Amino acid sequence: MTSKKKTAVQTTQPKVIYIGPSIRGLNSYSVFKKGEYPLPVSELIKKFPNITGLMIPISELQEARKDLTKKGHILNYHLTQLKTLKNKQE
């Protein structure tokens, strides 16, 4: 008879950084655990869904900052859409 050992797999949520423009309640380069946003940030995400597209793993920050300016890149798209929505609501 074999006994199976249960191993505790520790899963840590990767941290993400917001690389979009500062919005009231959310500053550029704020760091969060992926999917665990405080209530004010969650409310902003409901209002501006493109915010989630600008939450990137910290390890990808350097490349993502370059990609923000590349026309046709998904990060550039999210940034442009967020700015457009934000300007419409001001």
PDB file of N, CA and C in Angstrom:
ATOM      1  N   MET A   1       0.844  -1.173   0.000  1.00  0.00           N
ATOM      2  CA  MET A   1       0.000   0.000   0.000  1.00  0.00           C
ATOM      3  C   MET A   1       0.892   1.241   0.000  1.00  0.00           C
ATOM      4  N   THR A   2       0.577   2.158  -0.857  1.00  0.00           N
ATOM      5  CA  THR A   2       1.372   3.386  -0.916  1.00  0.00           C
ATOM      6  C   THR A   2       0.577   4.535  -0.318  1.00  0.00           C
ATOM      7  N   SER A   3       1.271   5.354   0.360  1.00  0.00           N
ATOM      8  CA  SER A   3       0.599   6.529   0.918  1.00  0.00           C
ATOM      9  C   SER A   3       1.069   7.763   0.151  1.00  0.00           C
ATOM     10  N   LYS A   4       0.112   8.578  -0.163  1.00  0.00           N
ATOM     11  CA  LYS A   4       0.445   9.802  -0.896  1.00  0.00           C
ATOM     12  C   LYS A   4       0.658  10.926   0.092  1.00  0.00           C
ATOM     13  N   LYS A   5       1.743  11.614  -0.094  1.00  0.00           N
ATOM     14  CA  LYS A   5       2.018  12.765   0.752  1.00  0.00           C
ATOM     15  C   LYS A   5       1.338  13.983   0.150  1.00  0.00           C
ATOM     16  N   LYS A   6       0.700  14.711   0.999  1.00  0.00           N
ATOM     17  CA  LYS A   6       0.108  15.964   0.547  1.00  0.00           C
ATOM     18  C   LYS A   6       1.161  17.045   0.747  1.00  0.00           C
ATOM     19  N   THR A   7       1.476  17.685  -0.311  1.00  0.00           N
ATOM     20  CA  THR A   7       2.453  18.759  -0.204  1.00  0.00           C
ATOM     21  C   THR A   7       1.723  20.084  -0.289  1.00  0.00           C
ATOM     22  N   ALA A   8       2.082  20.950   0.577  1.00  0.00           N
ATOM     23  CA  ALA A   8       1.481  22.284   0.571  1.00  0.00           C
ATOM     24  C   ALA A   8       2.175  23.111  -0.504  1.00  0.00           C
ATOM     25  N   VAL A   9       1.416  23.414  -1.506  1.00  0.00           N
ATOM     26  CA  VAL A   9       1.957  24.243  -2.577  1.00  0.00           C
ATOM     27  C   VAL A   9       1.604  25.673  -2.240  1.00  0.00           C
ATOM     28  N   GLN A  10       2.623  26.437  -2.071  1.00  0.00           N
ATOM     29  CA  GLN A  10       2.403  27.823  -1.707  1.00  0.00           C
ATOM     30  C   GLN A  10       2.303  28.643  -2.989  1.00  0.00           C
ATOM     31  N   THR A  11       1.142  29.154  -3.239  1.00  0.00           N
ATOM     32  CA  THR A  11       0.965  29.976  -4.427  1.00  0.00           C
ATOM     33  C   THR A  11       0.990  31.436  -4.010  1.00  0.00           C
ATOM     34  N   THR A  12       1.845  32.156  -4.616  1.00  0.00           N
ATOM     35  CA  THR A  12       1.916  33.577  -4.334  1.00  0.00           C
ATOM     36  C   THR A  12       1.429  34.323  -5.562  1.00  0.00           C
ATOM     37  N   GLN A  13       0.578  35.258  -5.315  1.00  0.00           N
ATOM     38  CA  GLN A  13       0.073  36.068  -6.411  1.00  0.00           C
ATOM     39  C   GLN A  13       1.206  36.965  -6.898  1.00  0.00           C
ATOM     40  N   PRO A  14       1.417  37.001  -8.209  1.00  0.00           N
ATOM     41  CA  PRO A  14       2.448  37.899  -8.709  1.00  0.00           C
ATOM     42  C   PRO A  14       2.013  39.346  -8.513  1.00  0.00           C
ATOM     43  N   LYS A  15       2.968  40.189  -8.297  1.00  0.00           N
ATOM     44  CA  LYS A  15       2.649  41.602  -8.136  1.00  0.00           C
ATOM     45  C   LYS A  15       2.613  42.259  -9.506  1.00  0.00           C
ATOM     46  N   VAL A  16       1.673  43.176  -9.646  1.00  0.00           N
ATOM     47  CA  VAL A  16       1.540  43.924 -10.890  1.00  0.00           C
ATOM     48  C   VAL A  16       1.703  45.406 -10.587  1.00  0.00           C
ATOM     49  N   ILE A  17       2.062  46.141 -11.613  1.00  0.00           N
ATOM     50  CA  ILE A  17       2.246  47.576 -11.483  1.00  0.00           C
ATOM     51  C   ILE A  17       1.389  48.268 -12.532  1.00  0.00           C
ATOM     52  N   TYR A  18       0.741  49.343 -12.133  1.00  0.00           N
ATOM     53  CA  TYR A  18      -0.106  50.114 -13.035  1.00  0.00           C
ATOM     54  C   TYR A  18       0.768  51.114 -13.769  1.00  0.00           C
ATOM     55  N   ILE A  19       0.756  51.062 -15.109  1.00  0.00           N
ATOM     56  CA  ILE A  19       1.646  51.928 -15.881  1.00  0.00           C
ATOM     57  C   ILE A  19       0.897  53.007 -16.672  1.00  0.00           C
ATOM     58  N   GLY A  20      -0.361  53.207 -16.333  1.00  0.00           N
ATOM     59  CA  GLY A  20      -1.146  54.236 -17.009  1.00  0.00           C
ATOM     60  C   GLY A  20      -1.010  55.591 -16.327  1.00  0.00           C
ATOM     61  N   PRO A  21      -1.771  56.558 -16.799  1.00  0.00           N
ATOM     62  CA  PRO A  21      -1.720  57.900 -16.201  1.00  0.00           C
ATOM     63  C   PRO A  21      -2.372  57.902 -14.821  1.00  0.00           C
ATOM     64  N   SER A  22      -1.973  58.840 -13.997  1.00  0.00           N
ATOM     65  CA  SER A  22      -2.588  58.975 -12.678  1.00  0.00           C
ATOM     66  C   SER A  22      -4.037  59.422 -12.846  1.00  0.00           C
ATOM     67  N   ILE A  23      -4.900  58.791 -12.092  1.00  0.00           N
ATOM     68  CA  ILE A  23      -6.314  59.130 -12.053  1.00  0.00           C
ATOM     69  C   ILE A  23      -6.637  59.308 -10.583  1.00  0.00           C
ATOM     70  N   ARG A  24      -7.573  60.176 -10.258  1.00  0.00           N
ATOM     71  CA  ARG A  24      -7.910  60.380  -8.849  1.00  0.00           C
ATOM     72  C   ARG A  24      -8.227  59.031  -8.206  1.00  0.00           C
ATOM     73  N   GLY A  25      -7.396  58.616  -7.261  1.00  0.00           N
ATOM     74  CA  GLY A  25      -7.565  57.339  -6.578  1.00  0.00           C
ATOM     75  C   GLY A  25      -6.599  56.260  -7.045  1.00  0.00           C
ATOM     76  N   LEU A  26      -5.851  56.545  -8.118  1.00  0.00           N
ATOM     77  CA  LEU A  26      -4.890  55.565  -8.642  1.00  0.00           C
ATOM     78  C   LEU A  26      -3.709  56.303  -9.254  1.00  0.00           C
ATOM     79  N   ASN A  27      -2.567  56.153  -8.636  1.00  0.00           N
ATOM     80  CA  ASN A  27      -1.354  56.810  -9.132  1.00  0.00           C
ATOM     81  C   ASN A  27      -0.587  55.903 -10.075  1.00  0.00           C
ATOM     82  N   SER A  28       0.105  56.518 -11.015  1.00  0.00           N
ATOM     83  CA  SER A  28       0.985  55.756 -11.902  1.00  0.00           C
ATOM     84  C   SER A  28       2.004  55.009 -11.055  1.00  0.00           C
ATOM     85  N   TYR A  29       2.356  53.830 -11.497  1.00  0.00           N
ATOM     86  CA  TYR A  29       3.354  52.965 -10.869  1.00  0.00           C
ATOM     87  C   TYR A  29       2.961  52.487  -9.471  1.00  0.00           C
ATOM     88  N   SER A  30       1.650  52.394  -9.221  1.00  0.00           N
ATOM     89  CA  SER A  30       1.167  51.766  -7.990  1.00  0.00           C
ATOM     90  C   SER A  30       1.306  50.252  -8.142  1.00  0.00           C
ATOM     91  N   VAL A  31       1.679  49.587  -7.060  1.00  0.00           N
ATOM     92  CA  VAL A  31       1.912  48.144  -7.093  1.00  0.00           C
ATOM     93  C   VAL A  31       0.809  47.437  -6.303  1.00  0.00           C
ATOM     94  N   PHE A  32       0.306  46.331  -6.880  1.00  0.00           N
ATOM     95  CA  PHE A  32      -0.753  45.543  -6.258  1.00  0.00           C
ATOM     96  C   PHE A  32      -0.454  44.065  -6.440  1.00  0.00           C
ATOM     97  N   LYS A  33      -1.090  43.231  -5.621  1.00  0.00           N
ATOM     98  CA  LYS A  33      -1.092  41.797  -5.898  1.00  0.00           C
ATOM     99  C   LYS A  33      -2.116  41.602  -7.002  1.00  0.00           C
ATOM    100  N   LYS A  34      -1.790  40.779  -7.968  1.00  0.00           N
ATOM    101  CA  LYS A  34      -2.679  40.597  -9.116  1.00  0.00           C
ATOM    102  C   LYS A  34      -4.074  40.174  -8.666  1.00  0.00           C
ATOM    103  N   GLY A  35      -5.064  40.932  -9.095  1.00  0.00           N
ATOM    104  CA  GLY A  35      -6.452  40.620  -8.778  1.00  0.00           C
ATOM    105  C   GLY A  35      -6.919  41.084  -7.414  1.00  0.00           C
ATOM    106  N   GLU A  36      -6.037  41.630  -6.613  1.00  0.00           N
ATOM    107  CA  GLU A  36      -6.400  42.094  -5.276  1.00  0.00           C
ATOM    108  C   GLU A  36      -6.242  43.609  -5.206  1.00  0.00           C
ATOM    109  N   TYR A  37      -7.290  44.291  -5.627  1.00  0.00           N
ATOM    110  CA  TYR A  37      -7.235  45.744  -5.667  1.00  0.00           C
ATOM    111  C   TYR A  37      -8.112  46.318  -4.563  1.00  0.00           C
ATOM    112  N   PRO A  38      -7.681  47.408  -3.929  1.00  0.00           N
ATOM    113  CA  PRO A  38      -8.525  48.039  -2.913  1.00  0.00           C
ATOM    114  C   PRO A  38      -9.827  48.546  -3.549  1.00  0.00           C
ATOM    115  N   LEU A  39     -10.823  48.772  -2.735  1.00  0.00           N
ATOM    116  CA  LEU A  39     -12.143  49.169  -3.214  1.00  0.00           C
ATOM    117  C   LEU A  39     -12.112  50.389  -4.147  1.00  0.00           C
ATOM    118  N   PRO A  40     -11.389  51.473  -3.815  1.00  0.00           N
ATOM    119  CA  PRO A  40     -11.393  52.619  -4.739  1.00  0.00           C
ATOM    120  C   PRO A  40     -10.841  52.256  -6.126  1.00  0.00           C
ATOM    121  N   VAL A  41      -9.840  51.404  -6.159  1.00  0.00           N
ATOM    122  CA  VAL A  41      -9.258  50.994  -7.439  1.00  0.00           C
ATOM    123  C   VAL A  41     -10.226  50.075  -8.177  1.00  0.00           C
ATOM    124  N   SER A  42     -10.893  49.192  -7.463  1.00  0.00           N
ATOM    125  CA  SER A  42     -11.890  48.321  -8.086  1.00  0.00           C
ATOM    126  C   SER A  42     -13.011  49.139  -8.717  1.00  0.00           C
ATOM    127  N   GLU A  43     -13.424  50.196  -8.043  1.00  0.00           N
ATOM    128  CA  GLU A  43     -14.464  51.079  -8.588  1.00  0.00           C
ATOM    129  C   GLU A  43     -13.975  51.768  -9.860  1.00  0.00           C
ATOM    130  N   LEU A  44     -12.714  52.187  -9.857  1.00  0.00           N
ATOM    131  CA  LEU A  44     -12.153  52.816 -11.060  1.00  0.00           C
ATOM    132  C   LEU A  44     -12.086  51.825 -12.214  1.00  0.00           C
ATOM    133  N   ILE A  45     -11.765  50.575 -11.914  1.00  0.00           N
ATOM    134  CA  ILE A  45     -11.691  49.542 -12.954  1.00  0.00           C
ATOM    135  C   ILE A  45     -13.071  49.327 -13.571  1.00  0.00           C
ATOM    136  N   LYS A  46     -14.129  49.390 -12.756  1.00  0.00           N
ATOM    137  CA  LYS A  46     -15.479  49.271 -13.295  1.00  0.00           C
ATOM    138  C   LYS A  46     -15.796  50.437 -14.232  1.00  0.00           C
ATOM    139  N   LYS A  47     -15.326  51.611 -13.853  1.00  0.00           N
ATOM    140  CA  LYS A  47     -15.579  52.823 -14.631  1.00  0.00           C
ATOM    141  C   LYS A  47     -14.705  52.875 -15.881  1.00  0.00           C
ATOM    142  N   PHE A  48     -13.444  52.450 -15.739  1.00  0.00           N
ATOM    143  CA  PHE A  48     -12.462  52.466 -16.832  1.00  0.00           C
ATOM    144  C   PHE A  48     -11.848  51.069 -16.979  1.00  0.00           C
ATOM    145  N   PRO A  49     -12.482  50.164 -17.703  1.00  0.00           N
ATOM    146  CA  PRO A  49     -11.999  48.778 -17.798  1.00  0.00           C
ATOM    147  C   PRO A  49     -10.590  48.639 -18.385  1.00  0.00           C
ATOM    148  N   ASN A  50     -10.136  49.624 -19.136  1.00  0.00           N
ATOM    149  CA  ASN A  50      -8.800  49.541 -19.731  1.00  0.00           C
ATOM    150  C   ASN A  50      -7.685  49.605 -18.693  1.00  0.00           C
ATOM    151  N   ILE A  51      -8.011  49.965 -17.475  1.00  0.00           N
ATOM    152  CA  ILE A  51      -7.001  49.991 -16.410  1.00  0.00           C
ATOM    153  C   ILE A  51      -6.381  48.604 -16.247  1.00  0.00           C
ATOM    154  N   THR A  52      -7.200  47.564 -16.325  1.00  0.00           N
ATOM    155  CA  THR A  52      -6.659  46.210 -16.137  1.00  0.00           C
ATOM    156  C   THR A  52      -5.638  45.859 -17.215  1.00  0.00           C
ATOM    157  N   GLY A  53      -5.790  46.409 -18.401  1.00  0.00           N
ATOM    158  CA  GLY A  53      -4.818  46.166 -19.465  1.00  0.00           C
ATOM    159  C   GLY A  53      -3.493  46.857 -19.215  1.00  0.00           C
ATOM    160  N   LEU A  54      -3.505  47.813 -18.294  1.00  0.00           N
ATOM    161  CA  LEU A  54      -2.284  48.547 -17.965  1.00  0.00           C
ATOM    162  C   LEU A  54      -1.678  48.087 -16.636  1.00  0.00           C
ATOM    163  N   MET A  55      -2.185  46.990 -16.110  1.00  0.00           N
ATOM    164  CA  MET A  55      -1.601  46.350 -14.926  1.00  0.00           C
ATOM    165  C   MET A  55      -0.713  45.224 -15.446  1.00  0.00           C
ATOM    166  N   ILE A  56       0.581  45.394 -15.323  1.00  0.00           N
ATOM    167  CA  ILE A  56       1.511  44.417 -15.898  1.00  0.00           C
ATOM    168  C   ILE A  56       2.422  43.865 -14.803  1.00  0.00           C
ATOM    169  N   PRO A  57       2.938  42.647 -14.987  1.00  0.00           N
ATOM    170  CA  PRO A  57       3.880  42.107 -13.995  1.00  0.00           C
ATOM    171  C   PRO A  57       5.101  43.026 -13.859  1.00  0.00           C
ATOM    172  N   ILE A  58       5.559  43.183 -12.654  1.00  0.00           N
ATOM    173  CA  ILE A  58       6.689  44.075 -12.399  1.00  0.00           C
ATOM    174  C   ILE A  58       7.906  43.675 -13.229  1.00  0.00           C
ATOM    175  N   SER A  59       8.094  42.389 -13.427  1.00  0.00           N
ATOM    176  CA  SER A  59       9.262  41.921 -14.180  1.00  0.00           C
ATOM    177  C   SER A  59       9.239  42.396 -15.638  1.00  0.00           C
ATOM    178  N   GLU A  60       8.080  42.802 -16.139  1.00  0.00           N
ATOM    179  CA  GLU A  60       7.959  43.249 -17.527  1.00  0.00           C
ATOM    180  C   GLU A  60       7.918  44.766 -17.666  1.00  0.00           C
ATOM    181  N   LEU A  61       8.178  45.484 -16.589  1.00  0.00           N
ATOM    182  CA  LEU A  61       8.040  46.937 -16.587  1.00  0.00           C
ATOM    183  C   LEU A  61       8.884  47.634 -17.642  1.00  0.00           C
ATOM    184  N   GLN A  62      10.145  47.278 -17.724  1.00  0.00           N
ATOM    185  CA  GLN A  62      11.051  47.972 -18.646  1.00  0.00           C
ATOM    186  C   GLN A  62      10.561  47.860 -20.090  1.00  0.00           C
ATOM    187  N   GLU A  63      10.209  46.676 -20.514  1.00  0.00           N
ATOM    188  CA  GLU A  63       9.737  46.469 -21.885  1.00  0.00           C
ATOM    189  C   GLU A  63       8.371  47.123 -22.095  1.00  0.00           C
ATOM    190  N   ALA A  64       7.516  47.050 -21.099  1.00  0.00           N
ATOM    191  CA  ALA A  64       6.166  47.609 -21.212  1.00  0.00           C
ATOM    192  C   ALA A  64       6.202  49.124 -21.377  1.00  0.00           C
ATOM    193  N   ARG A  65       7.123  49.781 -20.722  1.00  0.00           N
ATOM    194  CA  ARG A  65       7.230  51.236 -20.865  1.00  0.00           C
ATOM    195  C   ARG A  65       7.557  51.610 -22.303  1.00  0.00           C
ATOM    196  N   LYS A  66       8.370  50.809 -22.971  1.00  0.00           N
ATOM    197  CA  LYS A  66       8.682  51.046 -24.388  1.00  0.00           C
ATOM    198  C   LYS A  66       7.451  50.781 -25.248  1.00  0.00           C
ATOM    199  N   ASP A  67       6.738  49.698 -24.917  1.00  0.00           N
ATOM    200  CA  ASP A  67       5.583  49.286 -25.713  1.00  0.00           C
ATOM    201  C   ASP A  67       4.416  50.271 -25.627  1.00  0.00           C
ATOM    202  N   LEU A  68       4.356  51.056 -24.561  1.00  0.00           N
ATOM    203  CA  LEU A  68       3.277  52.042 -24.430  1.00  0.00           C
ATOM    204  C   LEU A  68       3.259  53.024 -25.595  1.00  0.00           C
ATOM    205  N   THR A  69       4.423  53.311 -26.144  1.00  0.00           N
ATOM    206  CA  THR A  69       4.511  54.314 -27.213  1.00  0.00           C
ATOM    207  C   THR A  69       4.426  53.727 -28.607  1.00  0.00           C
ATOM    208  N   LYS A  70       4.407  52.399 -28.722  1.00  0.00           N
ATOM    209  CA  LYS A  70       4.374  51.755 -30.039  1.00  0.00           C
ATOM    210  C   LYS A  70       2.939  51.690 -30.558  1.00  0.00           C
ATOM    211  N   LYS A  71       2.690  52.354 -31.673  1.00  0.00           N
ATOM    212  CA  LYS A  71       1.369  52.311 -32.303  1.00  0.00           C
ATOM    213  C   LYS A  71       1.030  50.866 -32.649  1.00  0.00           C
ATOM    214  N   GLY A  72      -0.187  50.460 -32.370  1.00  0.00           N
ATOM    215  CA  GLY A  72      -0.621  49.112 -32.678  1.00  0.00           C
ATOM    216  C   GLY A  72      -0.362  48.100 -31.575  1.00  0.00           C
ATOM    217  N   HIS A  73       0.413  48.459 -30.569  1.00  0.00           N
ATOM    218  CA  HIS A  73       0.673  47.539 -29.448  1.00  0.00           C
ATOM    219  C   HIS A  73      -0.521  47.589 -28.493  1.00  0.00           C
ATOM    220  N   ILE A  74      -0.837  46.468 -27.881  1.00  0.00           N
ATOM    221  CA  ILE A  74      -2.001  46.385 -27.001  1.00  0.00           C
ATOM    222  C   ILE A  74      -1.900  47.364 -25.827  1.00  0.00           C
ATOM    223  N   LEU A  75      -0.715  47.583 -25.292  1.00  0.00           N
ATOM    224  CA  LEU A  75      -0.569  48.536 -24.189  1.00  0.00           C
ATOM    225  C   LEU A  75      -0.868  49.955 -24.656  1.00  0.00           C
ATOM    226  N   ASN A  76      -0.439  50.286 -25.868  1.00  0.00           N
ATOM    227  CA  ASN A  76      -0.729  51.597 -26.440  1.00  0.00           C
ATOM    228  C   ASN A  76      -2.237  51.752 -26.639  1.00  0.00           C
ATOM    229  N   TYR A  77      -2.882  50.691 -27.076  1.00  0.00           N
ATOM    230  CA  TYR A  77      -4.339  50.713 -27.267  1.00  0.00           C
ATOM    231  C   TYR A  77      -5.050  51.002 -25.944  1.00  0.00           C
ATOM    232  N   HIS A  78      -4.685  50.262 -24.883  1.00  0.00           N
ATOM    233  CA  HIS A  78      -5.328  50.467 -23.583  1.00  0.00           C
ATOM    234  C   HIS A  78      -5.085  51.887 -23.067  1.00  0.00           C
ATOM    235  N   LEU A  79      -3.888  52.386 -23.248  1.00  0.00           N
ATOM    236  CA  LEU A  79      -3.558  53.739 -22.805  1.00  0.00           C
ATOM    237  C   LEU A  79      -4.402  54.763 -23.552  1.00  0.00           C
ATOM    238  N   THR A  80      -4.492  54.630 -24.867  1.00  0.00           N
ATOM    239  CA  THR A  80      -5.262  55.564 -25.683  1.00  0.00           C
ATOM    240  C   THR A  80      -6.744  55.521 -25.311  1.00  0.00           C
ATOM    241  N   GLN A  81      -7.289  54.320 -25.151  1.00  0.00           N
ATOM    242  CA  GLN A  81      -8.698  54.176 -24.782  1.00  0.00           C
ATOM    243  C   GLN A  81      -8.980  54.771 -23.402  1.00  0.00           C
ATOM    244  N   LEU A  82      -8.081  54.549 -22.463  1.00  0.00           N
ATOM    245  CA  LEU A  82      -8.254  55.085 -21.118  1.00  0.00           C
ATOM    246  C   LEU A  82      -8.242  56.605 -21.145  1.00  0.00           C
ATOM    247  N   LYS A  83      -7.300  57.184 -21.854  1.00  0.00           N
ATOM    248  CA  LYS A  83      -7.233  58.649 -21.945  1.00  0.00           C
ATOM    249  C   LYS A  83      -8.498  59.209 -22.597  1.00  0.00           C
ATOM    250  N   THR A  84      -8.990  58.541 -23.626  1.00  0.00           N
ATOM    251  CA  THR A  84     -10.204  58.994 -24.314  1.00  0.00           C
ATOM    252  C   THR A  84     -11.401  58.957 -23.371  1.00  0.00           C
ATOM    253  N   LEU A  85     -11.578  57.833 -22.666  1.00  0.00           N
ATOM    254  CA  LEU A  85     -12.692  57.716 -21.721  1.00  0.00           C
ATOM    255  C   LEU A  85     -12.591  58.737 -20.597  1.00  0.00           C
ATOM    256  N   LYS A  86     -11.382  58.904 -20.108  1.00  0.00           N
ATOM    257  CA  LYS A  86     -11.158  59.850 -19.008  1.00  0.00           C
ATOM    258  C   LYS A  86     -11.494  61.279 -19.441  1.00  0.00           C
ATOM    259  N   ASN A  87     -11.073  61.648 -20.646  1.00  0.00           N
ATOM    260  CA  ASN A  87     -11.334  63.005 -21.145  1.00  0.00           C
ATOM    261  C   ASN A  87     -12.819  63.238 -21.383  1.00  0.00           C
ATOM    262  N   LYS A  88     -13.541  62.215 -21.803  1.00  0.00           N
ATOM    263  CA  LYS A  88     -14.983  62.349 -22.025  1.00  0.00           C
ATOM    264  C   LYS A  88     -15.730  62.597 -20.720  1.00  0.00           C
ATOM    265  N   GLN A  89     -15.218  62.053 -19.638  1.00  0.00           N
ATOM    266  CA  GLN A  89     -15.905  62.168 -18.359  1.00  0.00           C
ATOM    267  C   GLN A  89     -15.516  63.411 -17.573  1.00  0.00           C
ATOM    268  N   GLU A  90     -14.539  64.128 -18.049  1.00  0.00           N
ATOM    269  CA  GLU A  90     -14.119  65.343 -17.322  1.00  0.00           C
ATOM    270  C   GLU A  90     -14.930  66.532 -17.736  1.00  0.00           C
TER     271      GLU A  90
END
